[in-house]
Amino acid sequence: MKNNDMLIQQISPLAEEYDMIPAHSVVLCAVSGGADSVCLLHVLHMWQQKTDFALHAAHYNHRLRGDASDGDADFVRALCRQWNIPCHMGSGDVRQTAAQAGRGLEETARQMRYQFLQETAETLSADRIATAHTADDNVETILMRLVRGSGLSGLCGIPPRRGKIVRPFLELSRQDIMAYLNTYALPYREDESNKDLTYTRNRLRHEVLPILRELNPNLPSTVAAAVRSLRQDNDCLNAAAARHRTLIQPAERSRVLSRTALLRLPPALSSRLFYQTLDEMGASRKDISAVHISAIRHLIEGEDPSGRVTLPHGIVVQRVYDELLFAPESDFSDSFSPVSLPAHGQVHFSHLPWTITVTPCSAPDSPPTGNMFFLDAVRAAQEPLTLRPRQTGDAITPARGGGTKSIKKWMIDIKIPRHLRDLVPVFASEAQVAAVAGLGPAAQWAARPGQPALKIEIEGIPLYGTRH
């Protein structure tokens, strides 16, 4: 049997399981010029002759190695011309982009490369983007995640498929690749930066893995088998966690989860809900480690009713009594500057998520609510009102009844988080409090039916934990 047929047979089960090469599809193969990607392009080229799909190649020049980078691009272009494969080229200044964004070179290069691949795939209406990640790459990735801290999802390594991106070689060893290249005398390019031990992956590849292979010469295939089993377990747990997805409640730009409900779930499920919540907030999974998840769990299991942790991507997680609040750090401002309440119009604060609309009218018969009420317009003209944060000693006798209340005690009673209490607008004259957002007007400031009034509508007050 020909070697290429053997290799196709080796990768076929994984390719079929994940529908990597559909019939009548367009497949875009990422080709760096290195051994793995040249092998993948050749295998797909051979496979194409037996199956009905269109094959294209794509190369991205990161411009990190000067003439060597240009040489890689020229090599891929010539190889595709020789094999009559359409080739699509892209390039970008990774070093400059990384410096501007304050990110590492490796991560920036990866982001720019994948963006190019996705854009090229869209242009071609490609069904799949094939990359040449191998079982060895998977071992390296898993070890890197173990070093920085990882849960079960991280230990599943590189996924065989994510959307359009497929990895047919994920259960092949680098030894399999080199044997194939030698059989067909296929040329490839060597990237000297792969020997640079300042990169964590290269240190693992050249210093750690040789020791592990001495202990187990079949390490890549052993890990591949373990990963397949772990992936099945992880898929099962993800499906179970998905059944509790409704626990994640949207609140403006934030998310709120019930602490009581989380405590009833096994940690394996609640952790997945944490990850899902952070996904919705725009946090990258690669930046969220087991240490972060453990810190969130400590919030719900600990005694502090207002504990807080700060995570990557500017996300803060705060315990708010019996709720867990995930919010952008920018929402956690300390206070705001007082402003005059207009007789007509809107008040906006650029750094705070609320809007107050004032409309002159005649007061209706309907009773006030916390965020829509009617103030005495005649009195407001005589005693101009200011929107300000709460002050020590503030108290109010609400028009809705219940006797005089300390604003501080009211906020504690309805469980407004401590970090939000100074963001709640208080409507006040020089002499007294006229109203409080979320509580409503003071009895002596509430407009009576038919009386000239200022209709106050308040939107976007993040009073998490309140019950109106």
Protein backbone atom coordinates (compact mmCIF):
# COMPACT_ATOMS: atom_id res chain seq x y z
CA MET A 1 0.00 0.00 0.00
CA LYS A 2 1.35 3.45 -0.84
CA ASN A 3 2.52 5.58 2.06
CA ASN A 4 0.12 8.39 1.24
CA ASP A 5 -2.80 5.93 1.29
CA MET A 6 -1.65 4.71 4.70
CA LEU A 7 -1.52 8.23 6.06
CA ILE A 8 -4.94 9.05 4.65
CA GLN A 9 -6.28 5.91 6.28
CA GLN A 10 -4.69 6.98 9.59
CA ILE A 11 -6.38 10.36 9.61
CA SER A 12 -9.68 9.29 8.03
CA PRO A 13 -11.45 8.21 11.29
CA LEU A 14 -10.84 11.61 12.93
CA ALA A 15 -11.67 13.46 9.71
CA GLU A 16 -14.95 11.57 9.34
CA GLU A 17 -15.89 11.94 13.01
CA TYR A 18 -15.58 15.73 12.77
CA ASP A 19 -16.68 16.11 9.14
CA MET A 20 -13.36 17.74 8.23
CA ILE A 21 -13.39 17.21 4.46
CA PRO A 22 -17.01 17.25 3.23
CA ALA A 23 -17.77 16.16 -0.31
CA HIS A 24 -18.11 19.03 -2.81
CA SER A 25 -16.55 21.42 -0.29
CA VAL A 26 -13.85 24.09 -0.55
CA VAL A 27 -10.92 23.46 1.81
CA LEU A 28 -8.35 26.16 2.58
CA CYS A 29 -5.06 24.70 3.83
CA ALA A 30 -2.82 26.92 6.00
CA VAL A 31 0.78 26.47 4.82
CA SER A 32 3.72 28.01 6.66
CA GLY A 33 6.30 26.13 4.60
CA GLY A 34 7.38 23.99 7.55
CA ALA A 35 7.39 20.19 7.61
CA ASP A 36 3.93 19.68 9.11
CA SER A 37 2.07 22.07 6.80
CA VAL A 38 3.86 20.84 3.65
CA CYS A 39 2.91 17.29 4.59
CA LEU A 40 -0.73 18.32 5.15
CA LEU A 41 -0.91 20.14 1.83
CA HIS A 42 0.52 17.12 -0.01
CA VAL A 43 -1.82 14.66 1.74
CA LEU A 44 -4.84 16.84 0.91
CA HIS A 45 -3.56 17.15 -2.65
CA MET A 46 -3.44 13.33 -2.91
CA TRP A 47 -6.80 13.02 -1.17
CA GLN A 48 -8.34 15.50 -3.57
CA GLN A 49 -7.62 13.12 -6.44
CA LYS A 50 -9.80 10.49 -4.77
CA THR A 51 -12.54 12.77 -3.38
CA ASP A 52 -14.57 15.61 -4.79
CA PHE A 53 -13.44 18.79 -3.02
CA ALA A 54 -11.62 21.95 -4.05
CA LEU A 55 -8.24 22.64 -2.41
CA HIS A 56 -6.68 26.08 -1.87
CA ALA A 57 -3.56 27.07 0.07
CA ALA A 58 -2.95 30.16 2.21
CA HIS A 59 0.32 31.57 3.56
CA TYR A 60 0.76 34.47 5.98
CA ASN A 61 4.09 36.32 6.16
CA HIS A 62 4.61 37.63 9.70
CA ARG A 63 7.70 39.64 8.66
CA LEU A 64 9.50 38.60 11.83
CA ARG A 65 12.61 37.03 10.26
CA GLY A 66 13.47 39.40 7.44
CA ASP A 67 14.69 37.63 4.30
CA ALA A 68 13.88 34.24 5.84
CA SER A 69 10.20 35.18 6.12
CA ASP A 70 10.14 36.34 2.51
CA GLY A 71 11.90 33.09 1.56
CA ASP A 72 9.12 31.08 3.24
CA ALA A 73 6.52 32.96 1.19
CA ASP A 74 8.44 32.38 -2.06
CA PHE A 75 8.82 28.67 -1.20
CA VAL A 76 5.07 28.18 -0.57
CA ARG A 77 4.18 30.09 -3.73
CA ALA A 78 6.52 27.92 -5.84
CA LEU A 79 5.31 24.68 -4.22
CA CYS A 80 1.68 25.52 -4.94
CA ARG A 81 2.53 26.43 -8.51
CA GLN A 82 4.29 23.06 -8.93
CA TRP A 83 1.28 21.15 -7.56
CA ASN A 84 -1.22 23.38 -9.37
CA ILE A 85 -2.92 24.49 -6.14
CA PRO A 86 -4.36 28.05 -5.96
CA CYS A 87 -2.33 29.99 -3.41
CA HIS A 88 -3.42 33.05 -1.39
CA MET A 89 -0.77 35.22 0.27
CA GLY A 90 -1.06 37.68 3.15
CA SER A 91 1.36 39.62 5.34
CA GLY A 92 1.49 41.99 8.28
CA ASP A 93 3.90 43.75 10.59
CA VAL A 94 3.47 41.59 13.68
CA ARG A 95 6.19 43.30 15.69
CA GLN A 96 4.67 46.75 15.26
CA THR A 97 1.13 45.53 15.92
CA ALA A 98 2.23 43.70 19.09
CA ALA A 99 4.02 46.83 20.38
CA GLN A 100 0.98 49.03 19.72
CA ALA A 101 -1.39 46.56 21.41
CA GLY A 102 0.96 45.71 24.29
CA ARG A 103 0.74 41.98 23.52
CA GLY A 104 3.35 39.26 23.02
CA LEU A 105 4.70 38.43 19.55
CA GLU A 106 3.41 34.83 19.56
CA GLU A 107 -0.14 35.77 20.46
CA THR A 108 -0.20 38.70 18.04
CA ALA A 109 1.15 36.56 15.20
CA ARG A 110 -1.49 33.92 15.87
CA GLN A 111 -4.33 36.47 15.92
CA MET A 112 -3.19 38.14 12.70
CA ARG A 113 -2.67 34.80 10.95
CA TYR A 114 -6.09 33.46 11.89
CA GLN A 115 -7.77 36.70 10.92
CA PHE A 116 -6.16 36.41 7.49
CA LEU A 117 -7.27 32.78 7.19
CA GLN A 118 -10.85 33.62 8.18
CA GLU A 119 -11.03 36.54 5.74
CA THR A 120 -9.57 34.43 2.92
CA ALA A 121 -12.04 31.63 3.68
CA GLU A 122 -14.93 34.10 3.51
CA THR A 123 -13.70 35.42 0.16
CA LEU A 124 -13.48 31.89 -1.25
CA SER A 125 -16.69 30.71 0.46
CA ALA A 126 -14.47 27.97 1.90
CA ASP A 127 -16.20 25.36 4.06
CA ARG A 128 -13.10 24.38 6.06
CA ILE A 129 -9.72 25.81 7.09
CA ALA A 130 -7.22 22.98 7.63
CA THR A 131 -4.20 23.48 9.90
CA ALA A 132 -1.36 21.03 10.50
CA HIS A 133 -1.38 20.70 14.29
CA THR A 134 -0.06 17.28 15.34
CA ALA A 135 -0.23 15.05 18.40
CA ASP A 136 3.14 16.48 19.44
CA ASP A 137 1.71 19.99 19.29
CA ASN A 138 -1.12 18.77 21.49
CA VAL A 139 1.29 17.35 24.08
CA GLU A 140 3.13 20.68 24.19
CA THR A 141 -0.11 22.63 24.55
CA ILE A 142 -1.36 20.40 27.38
CA LEU A 143 1.96 20.71 29.24
CA MET A 144 1.87 24.50 28.87
CA ARG A 145 -1.64 24.57 30.32
CA LEU A 146 -0.62 22.30 33.19
CA VAL A 147 2.24 24.67 34.00
CA ARG A 148 -0.02 27.74 34.14
CA GLY A 149 -2.99 25.94 35.72
CA SER A 150 -5.87 24.29 33.92
CA GLY A 151 -9.07 22.37 34.41
CA LEU A 152 -10.49 19.51 32.37
CA SER A 153 -11.31 21.70 29.36
CA GLY A 154 -7.71 22.85 29.11
CA LEU A 155 -6.38 19.31 29.44
CA CYS A 156 -8.41 18.33 26.38
CA GLY A 157 -5.79 20.22 24.41
CA ILE A 158 -6.27 21.49 20.88
CA PRO A 159 -9.78 20.69 19.59
CA PRO A 160 -9.97 18.64 16.36
CA ARG A 161 -12.48 21.13 15.06
CA ARG A 162 -13.63 24.61 16.02
CA GLY A 163 -16.13 26.06 13.57
CA LYS A 164 -14.55 25.97 10.12
CA ILE A 165 -11.06 25.23 11.49
CA VAL A 166 -10.13 21.54 11.31
CA ARG A 167 -6.96 19.66 12.29
CA PRO A 168 -6.73 16.34 10.43
CA PHE A 169 -3.22 15.55 11.79
CA LEU A 170 -4.10 15.94 15.46
CA GLU A 171 -3.57 12.25 16.23
CA LEU A 172 -0.42 11.89 14.07
CA SER A 173 3.04 12.15 15.61
CA ARG A 174 5.81 14.34 14.21
CA GLN A 175 7.63 11.08 13.51
CA ASP A 176 4.77 10.05 11.17
CA ILE A 177 5.10 13.39 9.39
CA MET A 178 8.85 13.11 8.88
CA ALA A 179 8.53 9.54 7.59
CA TYR A 180 6.02 10.72 4.98
CA LEU A 181 8.20 13.63 3.89
CA ASN A 182 11.22 11.35 3.55
CA THR A 183 9.28 8.80 1.51
CA TYR A 184 8.23 11.44 -1.02
CA ALA A 185 11.42 13.50 -0.75
CA LEU A 186 9.29 16.56 -0.08
CA PRO A 187 11.11 19.84 0.62
CA TYR A 188 10.22 22.09 3.55
CA ARG A 189 11.54 25.15 5.34
CA GLU A 190 13.21 25.23 8.75
CA ASP A 191 12.22 28.07 11.07
CA GLU A 192 15.26 28.96 13.17
CA SER A 193 13.05 30.68 15.75
CA ASN A 194 11.77 27.20 16.73
CA LYS A 195 15.17 26.69 18.43
CA ASP A 196 14.89 29.87 20.52
CA LEU A 197 14.61 28.66 24.12
CA THR A 198 13.26 31.99 25.37
CA TYR A 199 9.86 30.74 24.15
CA THR A 200 8.10 28.43 26.64
CA ARG A 201 6.88 26.06 23.94
CA ASN A 202 10.41 25.63 22.56
CA ARG A 203 11.81 24.85 26.02
CA LEU A 204 9.17 22.18 26.47
CA ARG A 205 9.85 20.79 22.99
CA HIS A 206 13.64 20.64 23.28
CA GLU A 207 14.26 20.13 27.01
CA VAL A 208 11.22 18.51 28.63
CA LEU A 209 9.69 16.27 25.95
CA PRO A 210 12.91 14.33 25.20
CA ILE A 211 12.94 13.21 28.85
CA LEU A 212 9.28 12.19 28.71
CA ARG A 213 9.90 10.25 25.49
CA GLU A 214 12.64 8.32 27.22
CA LEU A 215 10.01 7.21 29.74
CA ASN A 216 7.43 6.53 27.02
CA PRO A 217 8.57 6.41 23.36
CA ASN A 218 4.90 6.40 22.28
CA LEU A 219 4.08 9.55 24.25
CA PRO A 220 2.15 11.42 21.48
CA SER A 221 -0.16 8.49 20.75
CA THR A 222 -0.60 7.76 24.46
CA VAL A 223 -1.59 11.36 25.14
CA ALA A 224 -3.85 11.39 22.06
CA ALA A 225 -5.76 8.39 23.45
CA ALA A 226 -6.04 10.02 26.88
CA VAL A 227 -7.24 13.28 25.32
CA ARG A 228 -9.94 11.48 23.37
CA SER A 229 -11.28 10.00 26.63
CA LEU A 230 -11.04 13.36 28.44
CA ARG A 231 -12.84 15.08 25.57
CA GLN A 232 -15.77 12.67 25.90
CA ASP A 233 -16.01 13.39 29.63
CA ASN A 234 -15.75 17.12 29.00
CA ASP A 235 -18.48 17.03 26.35
CA CYS A 236 -20.77 15.21 28.77
CA LEU A 237 -20.16 17.78 31.53
CA ASN A 238 -20.64 20.68 29.10
CA ALA A 239 -24.00 19.24 28.06
CA ALA A 240 -25.03 18.93 31.72
CA ALA A 241 -23.93 22.52 32.44
CA ALA A 242 -25.88 23.78 29.41
CA ARG A 243 -29.10 22.65 31.10
CA HIS A 244 -28.44 25.28 33.78
CA ARG A 245 -27.67 28.06 31.31
CA THR A 246 -30.73 30.06 32.44
CA LEU A 247 -28.96 30.79 35.74
CA ILE A 248 -26.92 33.42 33.86
CA GLN A 249 -29.13 36.51 33.90
CA PRO A 250 -28.20 39.55 31.75
CA ALA A 251 -28.17 42.93 33.50
CA GLU A 252 -27.09 45.85 31.30
CA ARG A 253 -23.47 45.09 30.31
CA SER A 254 -23.16 42.64 33.19
CA ARG A 255 -24.31 39.17 34.23
CA VAL A 256 -25.86 38.03 37.52
CA LEU A 257 -25.97 34.47 38.91
CA SER A 258 -27.73 33.19 41.99
CA ARG A 259 -25.27 32.16 44.70
CA THR A 260 -27.77 29.72 46.21
CA ALA A 261 -28.32 28.00 42.88
CA LEU A 262 -24.56 27.82 42.22
CA LEU A 263 -23.93 26.20 45.61
CA ARG A 264 -26.44 23.48 44.76
CA LEU A 265 -24.47 22.50 41.64
CA PRO A 266 -21.39 20.27 41.60
CA PRO A 267 -18.21 22.35 41.11
CA ALA A 268 -17.68 20.71 37.71
CA LEU A 269 -20.92 22.34 36.48
CA SER A 270 -20.73 25.70 38.24
CA SER A 271 -17.18 26.19 36.91
CA ARG A 272 -18.48 25.77 33.39
CA LEU A 273 -21.14 28.39 34.06
CA PHE A 274 -18.37 30.75 35.20
CA TYR A 275 -16.52 30.16 31.92
CA GLN A 276 -19.73 30.63 29.93
CA THR A 277 -20.45 33.91 31.72
CA LEU A 278 -16.93 35.17 31.05
CA ASP A 279 -17.26 34.14 27.40
CA GLU A 280 -20.37 36.32 27.14
CA MET A 281 -18.43 39.18 28.75
CA GLY A 282 -15.73 38.92 26.07
CA ALA A 283 -12.97 37.28 28.13
CA SER A 284 -10.64 34.97 26.22
CA ARG A 285 -10.51 31.43 27.60
CA LYS A 286 -6.73 31.34 27.29
CA ASP A 287 -6.44 34.20 29.79
CA ILE A 288 -8.71 32.60 32.40
CA SER A 289 -6.85 30.02 34.48
CA ALA A 290 -7.83 27.59 37.23
CA VAL A 291 -6.63 30.19 39.76
CA HIS A 292 -9.27 32.65 38.52
CA ILE A 293 -12.07 30.08 38.66
CA SER A 294 -10.98 29.09 42.18
CA ALA A 295 -11.13 32.74 43.25
CA ILE A 296 -14.70 33.04 41.93
CA ARG A 297 -15.67 29.87 43.77
CA HIS A 298 -14.23 31.29 46.98
CA LEU A 299 -16.59 34.27 46.62
CA ILE A 300 -19.70 32.08 46.71
CA GLU A 301 -18.38 29.73 49.41
CA GLY A 302 -16.85 32.40 51.66
CA GLU A 303 -18.36 34.56 54.42
CA ASP A 304 -17.82 38.00 52.86
CA PRO A 305 -21.19 39.17 51.40
CA SER A 306 -19.43 41.77 49.21
CA GLY A 307 -16.14 40.10 48.29
CA ARG A 308 -14.61 40.97 44.94
CA VAL A 309 -12.01 39.60 42.49
CA THR A 310 -10.57 41.29 39.40
CA LEU A 311 -9.99 39.16 36.31
CA PRO A 312 -8.25 39.70 32.96
CA HIS A 313 -9.98 41.81 30.29
CA GLY A 314 -11.18 44.35 32.86
CA ILE A 315 -13.86 42.11 34.39
CA VAL A 316 -14.78 42.27 38.07
CA VAL A 317 -16.71 39.53 39.86
CA GLN A 318 -18.42 40.65 43.06
CA ARG A 319 -20.48 38.80 45.63
CA VAL A 320 -23.63 40.82 46.26
CA TYR A 321 -25.22 39.03 49.21
CA ASP A 322 -26.92 36.06 47.53
CA GLU A 323 -25.95 36.98 43.99
CA LEU A 324 -22.75 36.89 41.98
CA LEU A 325 -22.22 39.92 39.74
CA PHE A 326 -19.91 39.83 36.70
CA ALA A 327 -19.38 43.40 35.48
CA PRO A 328 -16.91 45.53 33.48
CA GLU A 329 -14.41 47.23 35.75
CA SER A 330 -15.45 50.57 34.25
CA ASP A 331 -18.85 50.16 35.95
CA PHE A 332 -17.18 50.23 39.35
CA SER A 333 -16.67 54.00 39.59
CA ASP A 334 -16.43 55.52 43.06
CA SER A 335 -18.93 58.35 42.64
CA PHE A 336 -20.04 61.19 40.34
CA SER A 337 -20.03 64.97 40.39
CA PRO A 338 -23.28 66.78 41.29
CA VAL A 339 -25.27 68.34 38.44
CA SER A 340 -28.34 70.57 38.36
CA LEU A 341 -31.66 68.94 37.50
CA PRO A 342 -33.05 70.67 34.39
CA ALA A 343 -36.70 71.75 34.14
CA HIS A 344 -36.89 69.84 30.85
CA GLY A 345 -34.52 67.46 29.06
CA GLN A 346 -32.09 64.66 29.89
CA VAL A 347 -29.10 64.16 32.15
CA HIS A 348 -26.34 61.80 30.96
CA PHE A 349 -23.07 60.81 32.58
CA SER A 350 -20.56 59.41 30.09
CA HIS A 351 -18.95 57.04 32.61
CA LEU A 352 -22.15 55.85 34.28
CA PRO A 353 -24.88 53.64 32.81
CA TRP A 354 -27.93 55.76 33.62
CA THR A 355 -30.09 58.43 32.02
CA ILE A 356 -32.59 60.76 33.72
CA THR A 357 -35.36 62.32 31.62
CA VAL A 358 -37.34 65.32 32.91
CA THR A 359 -40.67 66.22 31.26
CA PRO A 360 -43.07 69.01 32.45
CA CYS A 361 -46.67 67.74 32.76
CA SER A 362 -49.73 67.50 34.98
CA ALA A 363 -49.40 64.79 37.60
CA PRO A 364 -51.60 61.71 36.92
CA ASP A 365 -53.47 59.62 39.45
CA SER A 366 -51.01 56.72 39.18
CA PRO A 367 -48.80 56.14 42.25
CA PRO A 368 -45.03 56.68 41.96
CA THR A 369 -42.55 53.87 41.39
CA GLY A 370 -38.87 53.75 42.13
CA ASN A 371 -37.75 54.84 38.67
CA MET A 372 -40.74 56.89 37.42
CA PHE A 373 -42.39 59.51 39.58
CA PHE A 374 -43.74 63.08 39.57
CA LEU A 375 -42.19 65.91 41.53
CA ASP A 376 -43.92 69.16 42.51
CA ALA A 377 -42.90 71.53 39.69
CA VAL A 378 -43.78 74.71 41.63
CA ARG A 379 -41.62 73.70 44.56
CA ALA A 380 -38.78 72.61 42.25
CA ALA A 381 -38.82 76.09 40.66
CA GLN A 382 -38.53 77.69 44.11
CA GLU A 383 -35.97 75.22 45.49
CA PRO A 384 -33.78 74.06 42.56
CA LEU A 385 -32.78 70.43 42.75
CA THR A 386 -29.37 68.87 42.29
CA LEU A 387 -28.50 65.31 41.35
CA ARG A 388 -25.77 64.16 43.70
CA PRO A 389 -24.43 61.04 45.43
CA ARG A 390 -25.77 60.18 48.89
CA GLN A 391 -24.36 62.02 51.89
CA THR A 392 -23.96 61.03 55.52
CA GLY A 393 -27.26 61.58 57.35
CA ASP A 394 -29.46 61.56 54.23
CA ALA A 395 -33.00 60.44 55.04
CA ILE A 396 -36.36 60.49 53.30
CA THR A 397 -40.04 59.92 54.06
CA PRO A 398 -41.15 58.09 50.86
CA ALA A 399 -44.44 59.01 49.23
CA ARG A 400 -45.13 55.29 48.99
CA GLY A 401 -45.26 55.09 52.79
CA GLY A 402 -43.25 53.20 55.35
CA GLY A 403 -42.06 56.07 57.53
CA THR A 404 -38.81 58.00 57.45
CA LYS A 405 -35.88 55.99 56.10
CA SER A 406 -32.15 56.47 56.30
CA ILE A 407 -30.90 56.20 52.71
CA LYS A 408 -27.95 54.13 53.93
CA LYS A 409 -30.24 51.65 55.69
CA TRP A 410 -32.59 51.48 52.69
CA MET A 411 -29.66 50.61 50.42
CA ILE A 412 -28.52 47.87 52.81
CA ASP A 413 -32.05 46.50 53.20
CA ILE A 414 -32.60 46.10 49.46
CA LYS A 415 -29.03 44.81 49.03
CA ILE A 416 -27.57 47.43 46.74
CA PRO A 417 -23.87 46.44 46.43
CA ARG A 418 -21.52 48.62 48.42
CA HIS A 419 -19.59 49.64 45.29
CA LEU A 420 -22.81 50.95 43.66
CA ARG A 421 -24.27 52.91 46.58
CA ASP A 422 -22.45 56.13 45.71
CA LEU A 423 -23.65 55.87 42.11
CA VAL A 424 -27.37 56.05 43.00
CA PRO A 425 -28.66 59.56 42.19
CA VAL A 426 -30.16 61.51 45.06
CA PHE A 427 -32.45 64.45 44.12
CA ALA A 428 -31.83 67.13 46.74
CA SER A 429 -32.43 70.80 47.42
CA GLU A 430 -30.16 72.71 49.78
CA ALA A 431 -32.48 71.81 52.66
CA GLN A 432 -33.60 68.20 52.10
CA VAL A 433 -33.79 65.06 49.96
CA ALA A 434 -36.60 65.26 47.38
CA ALA A 435 -36.26 61.78 45.86
CA VAL A 436 -33.93 58.81 45.41
CA ALA A 437 -33.55 56.74 42.27
CA GLY A 438 -35.00 53.32 42.94
CA LEU A 439 -36.96 54.51 46.00
CA GLY A 440 -39.03 57.36 44.55
CA PRO A 441 -40.05 60.82 45.82
CA ALA A 442 -40.31 62.15 49.34
CA ALA A 443 -43.91 62.61 50.48
CA GLN A 444 -43.55 66.40 50.71
CA TRP A 445 -42.13 66.59 47.15
CA ALA A 446 -44.56 64.27 45.37
CA ALA A 447 -46.91 66.09 42.97
CA ARG A 448 -50.62 65.60 43.66
CA PRO A 449 -52.93 64.53 40.77
CA GLY A 450 -53.62 67.43 38.38
CA GLN A 451 -50.82 69.55 39.87
CA PRO A 452 -47.99 70.97 37.69
CA ALA A 453 -45.29 68.34 37.80
CA LEU A 454 -41.91 67.24 36.56
CA LYS A 455 -42.15 63.68 35.26
CA ILE A 456 -38.91 61.89 36.22
CA GLU A 457 -37.93 58.77 34.28
CA ILE A 458 -34.75 56.95 35.26
CA GLU A 459 -33.15 54.27 33.10
CA GLY A 460 -30.11 52.06 33.50
CA ILE A 461 -29.61 52.19 37.26
CA PRO A 462 -27.71 48.97 38.03
CA LEU A 463 -29.37 48.27 41.38
CA TYR A 464 -28.50 44.59 41.41
CA GLY A 465 -30.21 42.78 44.23
CA THR A 466 -33.07 45.28 44.56
CA ARG A 467 -36.65 44.13 44.85
CA HIS A 468 -39.24 46.78 43.84
